[in-house]
Full PDB file with SEQRES, HELIX, SHEET, SSBOND, CRYST1, ORIGX, SCALE, CONECT and MASTER records, all heavy atoms in Angstrom:
SEQRES   1 A   45  ASP TYR MET THR SER VAL GLN ASP GLY GLY PHE TYR GLY          
SEQRES   2 A   45  TRP PRO TYR SER TYR TYR GLY PRO HIS PRO ASP ALA ARG          
SEQRES   3 A   45  VAL LYS PRO GLN ARG PRO ASP LEU VAL ALA LYS ALA LEU          
SEQRES   4 A   45  VAL PRO ASP TYR ALA LEU                                      
HELIX    1 AA1 PRO A   32  VAL A   35  1                                   4    
SHEET    1 AA1 2 TYR A   2  MET A   3  0                                        
SHEET    2 AA1 2 TYR A  43  ALA A  44 -1                                        
SHEET    1 AA2 2 SER A  17  TYR A  18  0                                        
SHEET    2 AA2 2 HIS A  22  PRO A  23 -1                                        
CRYST1    1.000    1.000    1.000  90.00  90.00  90.00 P 1           1          
ORIGX1      1.000000  0.000000  0.000000        0.00000                         
ORIGX2      0.000000  1.000000  0.000000        0.00000                         
ORIGX3      0.000000  0.000000  1.000000        0.00000                         
SCALE1      1.000000  0.000000  0.000000        0.00000                         
SCALE2      0.000000  1.000000  0.000000        0.00000                         
SCALE3      0.000000  0.000000  1.000000        0.00000                         
ATOM      1  N   ASP A   1      63.167  52.935 117.881  1.00  0.00           N  
ATOM      2  CA  ASP A   1      62.767  51.537 117.883  1.00  0.00           C  
ATOM      3  C   ASP A   1      63.306  50.913 119.169  1.00  0.00           C  
ATOM      4  O   ASP A   1      64.146  51.488 119.859  1.00  0.00           O  
ATOM      5  CB  ASP A   1      63.316  50.811 116.660  1.00  0.00           C  
ATOM      6  CG  ASP A   1      62.721  51.344 115.363  1.00  0.00           C  
ATOM      7  OD1 ASP A   1      61.664  52.005 115.413  1.00  0.00           O  
ATOM      8  OD2 ASP A   1      63.326  51.108 114.301  1.00  0.00           O  
ATOM      9  N   TYR A   2      62.833  49.705 119.482  1.00  0.00           N  
ATOM     10  CA  TYR A   2      63.260  49.139 120.754  1.00  0.00           C  
ATOM     11  C   TYR A   2      63.145  47.617 120.752  1.00  0.00           C  
ATOM     12  O   TYR A   2      62.537  47.013 119.868  1.00  0.00           O  
ATOM     13  CB  TYR A   2      62.437  49.714 121.913  1.00  0.00           C  
ATOM     14  CG  TYR A   2      60.936  49.482 121.851  1.00  0.00           C  
ATOM     15  CD1 TYR A   2      60.373  48.299 122.341  1.00  0.00           C  
ATOM     16  CD2 TYR A   2      60.082  50.448 121.327  1.00  0.00           C  
ATOM     17  CE1 TYR A   2      59.007  48.088 122.309  1.00  0.00           C  
ATOM     18  CE2 TYR A   2      58.710  50.252 121.290  1.00  0.00           C  
ATOM     19  CZ  TYR A   2      58.170  49.066 121.786  1.00  0.00           C  
ATOM     20  OH  TYR A   2      56.816  48.857 121.748  1.00  0.00           O  
ATOM     21  N   MET A   3      63.763  47.011 121.769  1.00  0.00           N  
ATOM     22  CA  MET A   3      63.500  45.618 122.098  1.00  0.00           C  
ATOM     23  C   MET A   3      63.029  45.568 123.539  1.00  0.00           C  
ATOM     24  O   MET A   3      63.405  46.412 124.369  1.00  0.00           O  
ATOM     25  CB  MET A   3      64.733  44.743 121.891  1.00  0.00           C  
ATOM     26  CG  MET A   3      65.897  45.031 122.780  1.00  0.00           C  
ATOM     27  SD  MET A   3      67.239  43.823 122.487  1.00  0.00           S  
ATOM     28  CE  MET A   3      68.477  44.459 123.609  1.00  0.00           C  
ATOM     29  N   THR A   4      62.182  44.583 123.822  1.00  0.00           N  
ATOM     30  CA  THR A   4      61.613  44.519 125.150  1.00  0.00           C  
ATOM     31  C   THR A   4      61.166  43.105 125.470  1.00  0.00           C  
ATOM     32  O   THR A   4      60.836  42.324 124.573  1.00  0.00           O  
ATOM     33  CB  THR A   4      60.418  45.487 125.297  1.00  0.00           C  
ATOM     34  OG1 THR A   4      60.042  45.585 126.668  1.00  0.00           O  
ATOM     35  CG2 THR A   4      59.212  45.039 124.472  1.00  0.00           C  
ATOM     36  N   SER A   5      61.183  42.777 126.765  1.00  0.00           N  
ATOM     37  CA  SER A   5      60.508  41.569 127.205  1.00  0.00           C  
ATOM     38  C   SER A   5      59.011  41.795 127.048  1.00  0.00           C  
ATOM     39  O   SER A   5      58.523  42.928 127.109  1.00  0.00           O  
ATOM     40  CB  SER A   5      60.861  41.253 128.663  1.00  0.00           C  
ATOM     41  OG  SER A   5      60.545  42.351 129.504  1.00  0.00           O  
ATOM     42  N   VAL A   6      58.279  40.712 126.834  1.00  0.00           N  
ATOM     43  CA  VAL A   6      56.860  40.822 126.503  1.00  0.00           C  
ATOM     44  C   VAL A   6      56.030  40.201 127.615  1.00  0.00           C  
ATOM     45  O   VAL A   6      56.165  39.012 127.920  1.00  0.00           O  
ATOM     46  CB  VAL A   6      56.548  40.122 125.166  1.00  0.00           C  
ATOM     47  CG1 VAL A   6      55.086  40.346 124.787  1.00  0.00           C  
ATOM     48  CG2 VAL A   6      57.463  40.641 124.063  1.00  0.00           C  
ATOM     49  N   GLN A   7      55.174  41.008 128.218  1.00  0.00           N  
ATOM     50  CA  GLN A   7      54.325  40.541 129.297  1.00  0.00           C  
ATOM     51  C   GLN A   7      52.968  40.103 128.760  1.00  0.00           C  
ATOM     52  O   GLN A   7      52.388  40.774 127.900  1.00  0.00           O  
ATOM     53  CB  GLN A   7      54.125  41.641 130.340  1.00  0.00           C  
ATOM     54  CG  GLN A   7      55.390  42.095 131.047  1.00  0.00           C  
ATOM     55  CD  GLN A   7      55.113  43.127 132.115  1.00  0.00           C  
ATOM     56  OE1 GLN A   7      53.983  43.248 132.615  1.00  0.00           O  
ATOM     57  NE2 GLN A   7      56.137  43.877 132.498  1.00  0.00           N  
ATOM     58  N   ASP A   8      52.477  39.006 129.269  1.00  0.00           N  
ATOM     59  CA  ASP A   8      51.126  38.555 128.926  1.00  0.00           C  
ATOM     60  C   ASP A   8      50.126  39.614 129.386  1.00  0.00           C  
ATOM     61  O   ASP A   8      50.082  39.984 130.555  1.00  0.00           O  
ATOM     62  CB  ASP A   8      50.842  37.222 129.616  1.00  0.00           C  
ATOM     63  CG  ASP A   8      49.544  36.569 129.153  1.00  0.00           C  
ATOM     64  OD1 ASP A   8      48.782  37.193 128.389  1.00  0.00           O  
ATOM     65  OD2 ASP A   8      49.296  35.418 129.559  1.00  0.00           O  
ATOM     66  N   GLY A   9      49.362  40.150 128.437  1.00  0.00           N  
ATOM     67  CA  GLY A   9      48.407  41.202 128.744  1.00  0.00           C  
ATOM     68  C   GLY A   9      49.002  42.592 128.756  1.00  0.00           C  
ATOM     69  O   GLY A   9      48.279  43.575 128.989  1.00  0.00           O  
ATOM     70  N   GLY A  10      50.294  42.709 128.483  1.00  0.00           N  
ATOM     71  CA  GLY A  10      50.947  44.010 128.507  1.00  0.00           C  
ATOM     72  C   GLY A  10      50.511  44.909 127.358  1.00  0.00           C  
ATOM     73  O   GLY A  10      50.280  44.441 126.236  1.00  0.00           O  
ATOM     74  N   PHE A  11      50.417  46.217 127.643  1.00  0.00           N  
ATOM     75  CA  PHE A  11      50.093  47.234 126.624  1.00  0.00           C  
ATOM     76  C   PHE A  11      51.270  48.194 126.544  1.00  0.00           C  
ATOM     77  O   PHE A  11      51.708  48.739 127.563  1.00  0.00           O  
ATOM     78  CB  PHE A  11      48.806  47.968 126.997  1.00  0.00           C  
ATOM     79  CG  PHE A  11      48.485  49.121 126.070  1.00  0.00           C  
ATOM     80  CD1 PHE A  11      48.067  48.891 124.769  1.00  0.00           C  
ATOM     81  CD2 PHE A  11      48.630  50.434 126.503  1.00  0.00           C  
ATOM     82  CE1 PHE A  11      47.788  49.942 123.911  1.00  0.00           C  
ATOM     83  CE2 PHE A  11      48.344  51.497 125.651  1.00  0.00           C  
ATOM     84  CZ  PHE A  11      47.926  51.245 124.356  1.00  0.00           C  
ATOM     85  N   TYR A  12      51.770  48.431 125.312  1.00  0.00           N  
ATOM     86  CA  TYR A  12      53.023  49.180 125.128  1.00  0.00           C  
ATOM     87  C   TYR A  12      52.839  50.543 124.464  1.00  0.00           C  
ATOM     88  O   TYR A  12      53.807  51.136 124.024  1.00  0.00           O  
ATOM     89  CB  TYR A  12      54.018  48.307 124.363  1.00  0.00           C  
ATOM     90  CG  TYR A  12      54.466  47.112 125.179  1.00  0.00           C  
ATOM     91  CD1 TYR A  12      53.690  45.957 125.239  1.00  0.00           C  
ATOM     92  CD2 TYR A  12      55.630  47.149 125.947  1.00  0.00           C  
ATOM     93  CE1 TYR A  12      54.067  44.868 126.022  1.00  0.00           C  
ATOM     94  CE2 TYR A  12      56.016  46.072 126.730  1.00  0.00           C  
ATOM     95  CZ  TYR A  12      55.226  44.934 126.764  1.00  0.00           C  
ATOM     96  OH  TYR A  12      55.598  43.865 127.549  1.00  0.00           O  
ATOM     97  N   GLY A  13      51.591  51.027 124.406  1.00  0.00           N  
ATOM     98  CA  GLY A  13      51.381  52.430 124.073  1.00  0.00           C  
ATOM     99  C   GLY A  13      50.759  52.752 122.742  1.00  0.00           C  
ATOM    100  O   GLY A  13      50.028  53.737 122.617  1.00  0.00           O  
ATOM    101  N   TRP A  14      51.138  51.998 121.677  1.00  0.00           N  
ATOM    102  CA  TRP A  14      50.673  52.383 120.341  1.00  0.00           C  
ATOM    103  C   TRP A  14      49.160  52.287 120.236  1.00  0.00           C  
ATOM    104  O   TRP A  14      48.578  51.329 120.705  1.00  0.00           O  
ATOM    105  CB  TRP A  14      51.309  51.481 119.276  1.00  0.00           C  
ATOM    106  CG  TRP A  14      51.016  51.957 117.877  1.00  0.00           C  
ATOM    107  CD1 TRP A  14      51.751  52.828 117.135  1.00  0.00           C  
ATOM    108  CD2 TRP A  14      49.884  51.612 117.076  1.00  0.00           C  
ATOM    109  NE1 TRP A  14      51.150  53.052 115.912  1.00  0.00           N  
ATOM    110  CE2 TRP A  14      49.991  52.313 115.858  1.00  0.00           C  
ATOM    111  CE3 TRP A  14      48.780  50.786 117.266  1.00  0.00           C  
ATOM    112  CZ2 TRP A  14      49.052  52.221 114.834  1.00  0.00           C  
ATOM    113  CZ3 TRP A  14      47.832  50.689 116.262  1.00  0.00           C  
ATOM    114  CH2 TRP A  14      47.976  51.396 115.055  1.00  0.00           C  
ATOM    115  N   PRO A  15      48.496  53.239 119.555  1.00  0.00           N  
ATOM    116  CA  PRO A  15      49.045  54.445 118.931  1.00  0.00           C  
ATOM    117  C   PRO A  15      49.060  55.668 119.839  1.00  0.00           C  
ATOM    118  O   PRO A  15      49.526  56.728 119.440  1.00  0.00           O  
ATOM    119  CB  PRO A  15      48.064  54.675 117.777  1.00  0.00           C  
ATOM    120  CG  PRO A  15      46.730  54.272 118.358  1.00  0.00           C  
ATOM    121  CD  PRO A  15      47.051  53.071 119.241  1.00  0.00           C  
ATOM    122  N   TYR A  16      48.537  55.520 121.059  1.00  0.00           N  
ATOM    123  CA  TYR A  16      48.241  56.692 121.869  1.00  0.00           C  
ATOM    124  C   TYR A  16      49.474  57.316 122.500  1.00  0.00           C  
ATOM    125  O   TYR A  16      49.475  58.516 122.800  1.00  0.00           O  
ATOM    126  CB  TYR A  16      47.223  56.314 122.954  1.00  0.00           C  
ATOM    127  CG  TYR A  16      45.983  55.698 122.365  1.00  0.00           C  
ATOM    128  CD1 TYR A  16      45.750  54.321 122.464  1.00  0.00           C  
ATOM    129  CD2 TYR A  16      45.063  56.473 121.664  1.00  0.00           C  
ATOM    130  CE1 TYR A  16      44.628  53.747 121.907  1.00  0.00           C  
ATOM    131  CE2 TYR A  16      43.938  55.909 121.100  1.00  0.00           C  
ATOM    132  CZ  TYR A  16      43.727  54.538 121.213  1.00  0.00           C  
ATOM    133  OH  TYR A  16      42.611  53.968 120.630  1.00  0.00           O  
ATOM    134  N   SER A  17      50.515  56.528 122.711  1.00  0.00           N  
ATOM    135  CA  SER A  17      51.731  57.082 123.306  1.00  0.00           C  
ATOM    136  C   SER A  17      52.922  56.290 122.818  1.00  0.00           C  
ATOM    137  O   SER A  17      52.788  55.195 122.249  1.00  0.00           O  
ATOM    138  CB  SER A  17      51.660  57.023 124.841  1.00  0.00           C  
ATOM    139  OG  SER A  17      51.682  55.676 125.295  1.00  0.00           O  
ATOM    140  N   TYR A  18      54.113  56.853 123.036  1.00  0.00           N  
ATOM    141  CA  TYR A  18      55.347  56.178 122.669  1.00  0.00           C  
ATOM    142  C   TYR A  18      56.300  56.169 123.859  1.00  0.00           C  
ATOM    143  O   TYR A  18      56.277  57.044 124.714  1.00  0.00           O  
ATOM    144  CB  TYR A  18      56.011  56.821 121.449  1.00  0.00           C  
ATOM    145  CG  TYR A  18      56.349  58.292 121.592  1.00  0.00           C  
ATOM    146  CD1 TYR A  18      57.550  58.712 122.145  1.00  0.00           C  
ATOM    147  CD2 TYR A  18      55.459  59.281 121.149  1.00  0.00           C  
ATOM    148  CE1 TYR A  18      57.864  60.052 122.265  1.00  0.00           C  
ATOM    149  CE2 TYR A  18      55.766  60.624 121.260  1.00  0.00           C  
ATOM    150  CZ  TYR A  18      56.963  61.010 121.822  1.00  0.00           C  
ATOM    151  OH  TYR A  18      57.273  62.335 121.944  1.00  0.00           O  
ATOM    152  N   TYR A  19      57.108  55.144 123.891  1.00  0.00           N  
ATOM    153  CA  TYR A  19      58.071  54.917 124.963  1.00  0.00           C  
ATOM    154  C   TYR A  19      57.445  55.142 126.336  1.00  0.00           C  
ATOM    155  O   TYR A  19      57.907  55.941 127.145  1.00  0.00           O  
ATOM    156  CB  TYR A  19      59.344  55.739 124.781  1.00  0.00           C  
ATOM    157  CG  TYR A  19      60.546  54.822 124.938  1.00  0.00           C  
ATOM    158  CD1 TYR A  19      60.975  54.055 123.861  1.00  0.00           C  
ATOM    159  CD2 TYR A  19      61.161  54.653 126.169  1.00  0.00           C  
ATOM    160  CE1 TYR A  19      62.008  53.143 124.016  1.00  0.00           C  
ATOM    161  CE2 TYR A  19      62.195  53.753 126.323  1.00  0.00           C  
ATOM    162  CZ  TYR A  19      62.614  53.001 125.259  1.00  0.00           C  
ATOM    163  OH  TYR A  19      63.626  52.082 125.414  1.00  0.00           O  
ATOM    164  N   GLY A  20      56.362  54.420 126.565  1.00  0.00           N  
ATOM    165  CA  GLY A  20      55.652  54.520 127.824  1.00  0.00           C  
ATOM    166  C   GLY A  20      54.673  55.672 127.827  1.00  0.00           C  
ATOM    167  O   GLY A  20      53.745  55.719 127.010  1.00  0.00           O  
ATOM    168  N   PRO A  21      54.855  56.667 128.684  1.00  0.00           N  
ATOM    169  CA  PRO A  21      53.810  57.667 128.926  1.00  0.00           C  
ATOM    170  C   PRO A  21      53.899  58.930 128.088  1.00  0.00           C  
ATOM    171  O   PRO A  21      53.410  59.982 128.524  1.00  0.00           O  
ATOM    172  CB  PRO A  21      54.033  57.993 130.410  1.00  0.00           C  
ATOM    173  CG  PRO A  21      55.523  57.915 130.579  1.00  0.00           C  
ATOM    174  CD  PRO A  21      55.959  56.775 129.684  1.00  0.00           C  
ATOM    175  N   HIS A  22      54.507  58.881 126.898  1.00  0.00           N  
ATOM    176  CA  HIS A  22      54.648  60.091 126.090  1.00  0.00           C  
ATOM    177  C   HIS A  22      53.524  60.129 125.050  1.00  0.00           C  
ATOM    178  O   HIS A  22      53.584  59.427 124.036  1.00  0.00           O  
ATOM    179  CB  HIS A  22      56.013  60.111 125.399  1.00  0.00           C  
ATOM    180  CG  HIS A  22      57.160  60.130 126.362  1.00  0.00           C  
ATOM    181  ND1 HIS A  22      57.681  58.967 126.924  1.00  0.00           N  
ATOM    182  CD2 HIS A  22      57.866  61.155 126.886  1.00  0.00           C  
ATOM    183  CE1 HIS A  22      58.672  59.297 127.741  1.00  0.00           C  
ATOM    184  NE2 HIS A  22      58.805  60.607 127.737  1.00  0.00           N  
ATOM    185  N   PRO A  23      52.500  60.964 125.265  1.00  0.00           N  
ATOM    186  CA  PRO A  23      51.341  60.975 124.362  1.00  0.00           C  
ATOM    187  C   PRO A  23      51.716  61.448 122.968  1.00  0.00           C  
ATOM    188  O   PRO A  23      52.594  62.297 122.791  1.00  0.00           O  
ATOM    189  CB  PRO A  23      50.372  61.963 125.021  1.00  0.00           C  
ATOM    190  CG  PRO A  23      50.856  62.110 126.428  1.00  0.00           C  
ATOM    191  CD  PRO A  23      52.336  61.892 126.391  1.00  0.00           C  
ATOM    192  N   ASP A  24      51.054  60.876 121.974  1.00  0.00           N  
ATOM    193  CA  ASP A  24      51.175  61.336 120.591  1.00  0.00           C  
ATOM    194  C   ASP A  24      49.956  62.196 120.295  1.00  0.00           C  
ATOM    195  O   ASP A  24      48.836  61.682 120.155  1.00  0.00           O  
ATOM    196  CB  ASP A  24      51.244  60.143 119.642  1.00  0.00           C  
ATOM    197  CG  ASP A  24      51.629  60.544 118.217  1.00  0.00           C  
ATOM    198  OD1 ASP A  24      51.300  61.681 117.821  1.00  0.00           O  
ATOM    199  OD2 ASP A  24      52.250  59.732 117.514  1.00  0.00           O  
ATOM    200  N   ALA A  25      50.170  63.509 120.208  1.00  0.00           N  
ATOM    201  CA  ALA A  25      49.056  64.452 120.066  1.00  0.00           C  
ATOM    202  C   ALA A  25      48.332  64.301 118.741  1.00  0.00           C  
ATOM    203  O   ALA A  25      47.216  64.817 118.576  1.00  0.00           O  
ATOM    204  CB  ALA A  25      49.575  65.881 120.224  1.00  0.00           C  
ATOM    205  N   ARG A  26      48.922  63.609 117.768  1.00  0.00           N  
ATOM    206  CA  ARG A  26      48.285  63.447 116.468  1.00  0.00           C  
ATOM    207  C   ARG A  26      47.119  62.473 116.501  1.00  0.00           C  
ATOM    208  O   ARG A  26      46.266  62.474 115.620  1.00  0.00           O  
ATOM    209  CB  ARG A  26      49.314  62.967 115.443  1.00  0.00           C  
ATOM    210  CG  ARG A  26      50.480  63.891 115.220  1.00  0.00           C  
ATOM    211  CD  ARG A  26      51.538  63.230 114.342  1.00  0.00           C  
ATOM    212  NE  ARG A  26      52.108  62.036 114.969  1.00  0.00           N  
ATOM    213  CZ  ARG A  26      52.937  61.186 114.367  1.00  0.00           C  
ATOM    214  NH1 ARG A  26      53.283  61.400 113.110  1.00  0.00           N  
ATOM    215  NH2 ARG A  26      53.421  60.134 115.017  1.00  0.00           N  
ATOM    216  N   VAL A  27      47.081  61.594 117.483  1.00  0.00           N  
ATOM    217  CA  VAL A  27      46.087  60.525 117.527  1.00  0.00           C  
ATOM    218  C   VAL A  27      44.779  61.059 118.114  1.00  0.00           C  
ATOM    219  O   VAL A  27      44.768  61.643 119.199  1.00  0.00           O  
ATOM    220  CB  VAL A  27      46.602  59.340 118.358  1.00  0.00           C  
ATOM    221  CG1 VAL A  27      45.570  58.221 118.389  1.00  0.00           C  
ATOM    222  CG2 VAL A  27      47.929  58.832 117.791  1.00  0.00           C  
ATOM    223  N   LYS A  28      43.694  60.837 117.384  1.00  0.00           N  
ATOM    224  CA  LYS A  28      42.376  61.271 117.835  1.00  0.00           C  
ATOM    225  C   LYS A  28      41.421  60.085 117.809  1.00  0.00           C  
ATOM    226  O   LYS A  28      41.396  59.341 116.825  1.00  0.00           O  
ATOM    227  CB  LYS A  28      41.839  62.384 116.921  1.00  0.00           C  
ATOM    228  CG  LYS A  28      42.760  63.577 116.758  1.00  0.00           C  
ATOM    229  CD  LYS A  28      43.015  64.319 118.070  1.00  0.00           C  
ATOM    230  CE  LYS A  28      43.940  65.517 117.849  1.00  0.00           C  
ATOM    231  NZ  LYS A  28      44.290  66.197 119.109  1.00  0.00           N  
ATOM    232  N   PRO A  29      40.618  59.894 118.870  1.00  0.00           N  
ATOM    233  CA  PRO A  29      40.641  60.649 120.119  1.00  0.00           C  
ATOM    234  C   PRO A  29      41.805  60.225 120.997  1.00  0.00           C  
ATOM    235  O   PRO A  29      42.361  59.142 120.839  1.00  0.00           O  
ATOM    236  CB  PRO A  29      39.306  60.273 120.763  1.00  0.00           C  
ATOM    237  CG  PRO A  29      39.061  58.879 120.284  1.00  0.00           C  
ATOM    238  CD  PRO A  29      39.572  58.836 118.878  1.00  0.00           C  
ATOM    239  N   GLN A  30      42.168  61.076 121.933  1.00  0.00           N  
ATOM    240  CA  GLN A  30      43.200  60.742 122.906  1.00  0.00           C  
ATOM    241  C   GLN A  30      42.650  59.728 123.922  1.00  0.00           C  
ATOM    242  O   GLN A  30      41.444  59.677 124.183  1.00  0.00           O  
ATOM    243  CB  GLN A  30      43.659  62.000 123.650  1.00  0.00           C  
ATOM    244  CG  GLN A  30      44.387  62.994 122.756  1.00  0.00           C  
ATOM    245  CD  GLN A  30      45.845  62.618 122.550  1.00  0.00           C  
ATOM    246  OE1 GLN A  30      46.659  62.715 123.445  1.00  0.00           O  
ATOM    247  NE2 GLN A  30      46.166  62.181 121.337  1.00  0.00           N  
ATOM    248  N   ARG A  31      43.555  58.902 124.469  1.00  0.00           N  
ATOM    249  CA  ARG A  31      43.153  57.904 125.458  1.00  0.00           C  
ATOM    250  C   ARG A  31      44.096  57.958 126.650  1.00  0.00           C  
ATOM    251  O   ARG A  31      44.988  57.113 126.803  1.00  0.00           O  
ATOM    252  CB  ARG A  31      43.144  56.513 124.841  1.00  0.00           C  
ATOM    253  CG  ARG A  31      42.028  56.242 123.840  1.00  0.00           C  
ATOM    254  CD  ARG A  31      40.660  56.196 124.513  1.00  0.00           C  
ATOM    255  NE  ARG A  31      40.624  55.209 125.593  1.00  0.00           N  
ATOM    256  CZ  ARG A  31      40.284  53.927 125.416  1.00  0.00           C  
ATOM    257  NH1 ARG A  31      39.958  53.486 124.204  1.00  0.00           N  
ATOM    258  NH2 ARG A  31      40.250  53.094 126.445  1.00  0.00           N  
ATOM    259  N   PRO A  32      43.948  58.955 127.520  1.00  0.00           N  
ATOM    260  CA  PRO A  32      44.846  59.060 128.676  1.00  0.00           C  
ATOM    261  C   PRO A  32      44.769  57.842 129.587  1.00  0.00           C  
ATOM    262  O   PRO A  32      45.741  57.526 130.288  1.00  0.00           O  
ATOM    263  CB  PRO A  32      44.374  60.332 129.389  1.00  0.00           C  
ATOM    264  CG  PRO A  32      43.003  60.603 128.849  1.00  0.00           C  
ATOM    265  CD  PRO A  32      42.982  60.075 127.457  1.00  0.00           C  
ATOM    266  N   ASP A  33      43.637  57.146 129.605  1.00  0.00           N  
ATOM    267  CA  ASP A  33      43.521  55.948 130.428  1.00  0.00           C  
ATOM    268  C   ASP A  33      44.472  54.854 129.954  1.00  0.00           C  
ATOM    269  O   ASP A  33      45.092  54.156 130.770  1.00  0.00           O  
ATOM    270  CB  ASP A  33      42.075  55.439 130.419  1.00  0.00           C  
ATOM    271  CG  ASP A  33      41.555  55.172 129.010  1.00  0.00           C  
ATOM    272  OD1 ASP A  33      41.928  55.917 128.074  1.00  0.00           O  
ATOM    273  OD2 ASP A  33      40.770  54.212 128.839  1.00  0.00           O  
ATOM    274  N   LEU A  34      44.611  54.715 128.636  1.00  0.00           N  
ATOM    275  CA  LEU A  34      45.533  53.714 128.100  1.00  0.00           C  
ATOM    276  C   LEU A  34      46.986  54.180 128.199  1.00  0.00           C  
ATOM    277  O   LEU A  34      47.890  53.373 128.428  1.00  0.00           O  
ATOM    278  CB  LEU A  34      45.179  53.391 126.654  1.00  0.00           C  
ATOM    279  CG  LEU A  34      43.856  52.643 126.459  1.00  0.00           C  
ATOM    280  CD1 LEU A  34      43.601  52.378 124.980  1.00  0.00           C  
ATOM    281  CD2 LEU A  34      43.859  51.326 127.236  1.00  0.00           C  
ATOM    282  N   VAL A  35      47.222  55.472 128.027  1.00  0.00           N  
ATOM    283  CA  VAL A  35      48.580  56.004 128.181  1.00  0.00           C  
ATOM    284  C   VAL A  35      49.102  55.706 129.587  1.00  0.00           C  
ATOM    285  O   VAL A  35      50.270  55.351 129.780  1.00  0.00           O  
ATOM    286  CB  VAL A  35      48.609  57.513 127.892  1.00  0.00           C  
ATOM    287  CG1 VAL A  35      49.968  58.105 128.244  1.00  0.00           C  
ATOM    288  CG2 VAL A  35      48.263  57.795 126.433  1.00  0.00           C  
ATOM    289  N   ALA A  36      48.233  55.813 130.563  1.00  0.00           N  
ATOM    290  CA  ALA A  36      48.639  55.558 131.952  1.00  0.00           C  
ATOM    291  C   ALA A  36      49.033  54.102 132.167  1.00  0.00           C  
ATOM    292  O   ALA A  36      49.799  53.798 133.088  1.00  0.00           O  
ATOM    293  CB  ALA A  36      47.505  55.942 132.904  1.00  0.00           C  
ATOM    294  N   LYS A  37      48.538  53.205 131.313  1.00  0.00           N  
ATOM    295  CA  LYS A  37      48.851  51.774 131.435  1.00  0.00           C  
ATOM    296  C   LYS A  37      50.072  51.356 130.630  1.00  0.00           C  
ATOM    297  O   LYS A  37      50.551  50.231 130.772  1.00  0.00           O  
ATOM    298  CB  LYS A  37      47.659  50.939 130.951  1.00  0.00           C  
ATOM    299  CG  LYS A  37      46.420  51.033 131.792  1.00  0.00           C  
ATOM    300  CD  LYS A  37      45.251  50.325 131.104  1.00  0.00           C  
ATOM    301  CE  LYS A  37      45.597  48.897 130.692  1.00  0.00           C  
ATOM    302  NZ  LYS A  37      44.437  48.218 130.066  1.00  0.00           N  
ATOM    303  N   ALA A  38      50.551  52.245 129.760  1.00  0.00           N  
ATOM    304  CA  ALA A  38      51.578  51.854 128.798  1.00  0.00           C  
ATOM    305  C   ALA A  38      52.880  51.473 129.500  1.00  0.00           C  
ATOM    306  O   ALA A  38      53.418  52.229 130.316  1.00  0.00           O  
ATOM    307  CB  ALA A  38      51.822  52.985 127.808  1.00  0.00           C  
ATOM    308  N   LEU A  39      53.401  50.300 129.151  1.00  0.00           N  
ATOM    309  CA  LEU A  39      54.665  49.829 129.699  1.00  0.00           C  
ATOM    310  C   LEU A  39      55.839  50.477 128.981  1.00  0.00           C  
ATOM    311  O   LEU A  39      55.794  50.692 127.761  1.00  0.00           O  
ATOM    312  CB  LEU A  39      54.757  48.311 129.565  1.00  0.00           C  
ATOM    313  CG  LEU A  39      53.697  47.504 130.322  1.00  0.00           C  
ATOM    314  CD1 LEU A  39      53.793  46.027 129.944  1.00  0.00           C  
ATOM    315  CD2 LEU A  39      53.851  47.687 131.824  1.00  0.00           C  
ATOM    316  N   VAL A  40      56.887  50.791 129.713  1.00  0.00           N  
ATOM    317  CA  VAL A  40      58.101  51.352 129.132  1.00  0.00           C  
ATOM    318  C   VAL A  40      58.955  50.206 128.597  1.00  0.00           C  
ATOM    319  O   VAL A  40      59.235  49.242 129.321  1.00  0.00           O  
ATOM    320  CB  VAL A  40      58.894  52.161 130.167  1.00  0.00           C  
ATOM    321  CG1 VAL A  40      60.182  52.713 129.555  1.00  0.00           C  
ATOM    322  CG2 VAL A  40      58.035  53.289 130.733  1.00  0.00           C  
ATOM    323  N   PRO A  41      59.380  50.264 127.332  1.00  0.00           N  
ATOM    324  CA  PRO A  41      60.227  49.191 126.798  1.00  0.00           C  
ATOM    325  C   PRO A  41      61.544  49.071 127.561  1.00  0.00           C  
ATOM    326  O   PRO A  41      61.993  50.011 128.220  1.00  0.00           O  
ATOM    327  CB  PRO A  41      60.476  49.635 125.347  1.00  0.00           C  
ATOM    328  CG  PRO A  41      59.374  50.589 125.038  1.00  0.00           C  
ATOM    329  CD  PRO A  41      59.053  51.274 126.320  1.00  0.00           C  
ATOM    330  N   ASP A  42      62.172  47.908 127.432  1.00  0.00           N  
ATOM    331  CA  ASP A  42      63.396  47.651 128.185  1.00  0.00           C  
ATOM    332  C   ASP A  42      64.628  48.337 127.604  1.00  0.00           C  
ATOM    333  O   ASP A  42      65.507  48.762 128.359  1.00  0.00           O  
ATOM    334  CB  ASP A  42      63.657  46.144 128.247  1.00  0.00           C  
ATOM    335  CG  ASP A  42      62.682  45.429 129.159  1.00  0.00           C  
ATOM    336  OD1 ASP A  42      62.701  45.704 130.372  1.00  0.00           O  
ATOM    337  OD2 ASP A  42      61.893  44.616 128.668  1.00  0.00           O  
ATOM    338  N   TYR A  43      64.709  48.460 126.257  1.00  0.00           N  
ATOM    339  CA  TYR A  43      65.970  48.927 125.677  1.00  0.00           C  
ATOM    340  C   TYR A  43      65.709  49.542 124.309  1.00  0.00           C  
ATOM    341  O   TYR A  43      65.205  48.875 123.404  1.00  0.00           O  
ATOM    342  CB  TYR A  43      66.943  47.757 125.534  1.00  0.00           C  
ATOM    343  CG  TYR A  43      68.394  48.157 125.325  1.00  0.00           C  
ATOM    344  CD1 TYR A  43      69.258  48.267 126.394  1.00  0.00           C  
ATOM    345  CD2 TYR A  43      68.879  48.415 124.049  1.00  0.00           C  
ATOM    346  CE1 TYR A  43      70.588  48.623 126.215  1.00  0.00           C  
ATOM    347  CE2 TYR A  43      70.201  48.777 123.856  1.00  0.00           C  
ATOM    348  CZ  TYR A  43      71.058  48.882 124.941  1.00  0.00           C  
ATOM    349  OH  TYR A  43      72.370  49.238 124.755  1.00  0.00           O  
ATOM    350  N   ALA A  44      66.062  50.827 124.160  1.00  0.00           N  
ATOM    351  CA  ALA A  44      65.879  51.535 122.892  1.00  0.00           C  
ATOM    352  C   ALA A  44      66.990  51.186 121.910  1.00  0.00           C  
ATOM    353  O   ALA A  44      68.135  50.941 122.304  1.00  0.00           O  
ATOM    354  CB  ALA A  44      65.850  53.040 123.120  1.00  0.00           C  
ATOM    355  N   LEU A  45      66.643  51.190 120.616  1.00  0.00           N  
ATOM    356  CA  LEU A  45      67.585  50.779 119.565  1.00  0.00           C  
ATOM    357  C   LEU A  45      67.777  51.849 118.492  1.00  0.00           C  
ATOM    358  O   LEU A  45      68.173  51.548 117.376  1.00  0.00           O  
ATOM    359  CB  LEU A  45      67.088  49.475 118.924  1.00  0.00           C  
ATOM    360  CG  LEU A  45      67.136  48.250 119.844  1.00  0.00           C  
ATOM    361  CD1 LEU A  45      66.385  47.097 119.225  1.00  0.00           C  
ATOM    362  CD2 LEU A  45      68.579  47.856 120.144  1.00  0.00           C  
TER     363      LEU A  45                                                      
MASTER        0    0    0    1    4    0    0    6  362    1    0    4          
END                                                                             
């Protein structure tokens, strides 16, 4: 889990990836285009 500052228009990965660019292989279909946009959270909890 994490806390993060929130950017207007920001995309944080779910469901296609977690903690930024780490893809979740369980999700179908995959969306590498969105994974590439995923912001890394500021602080893990």
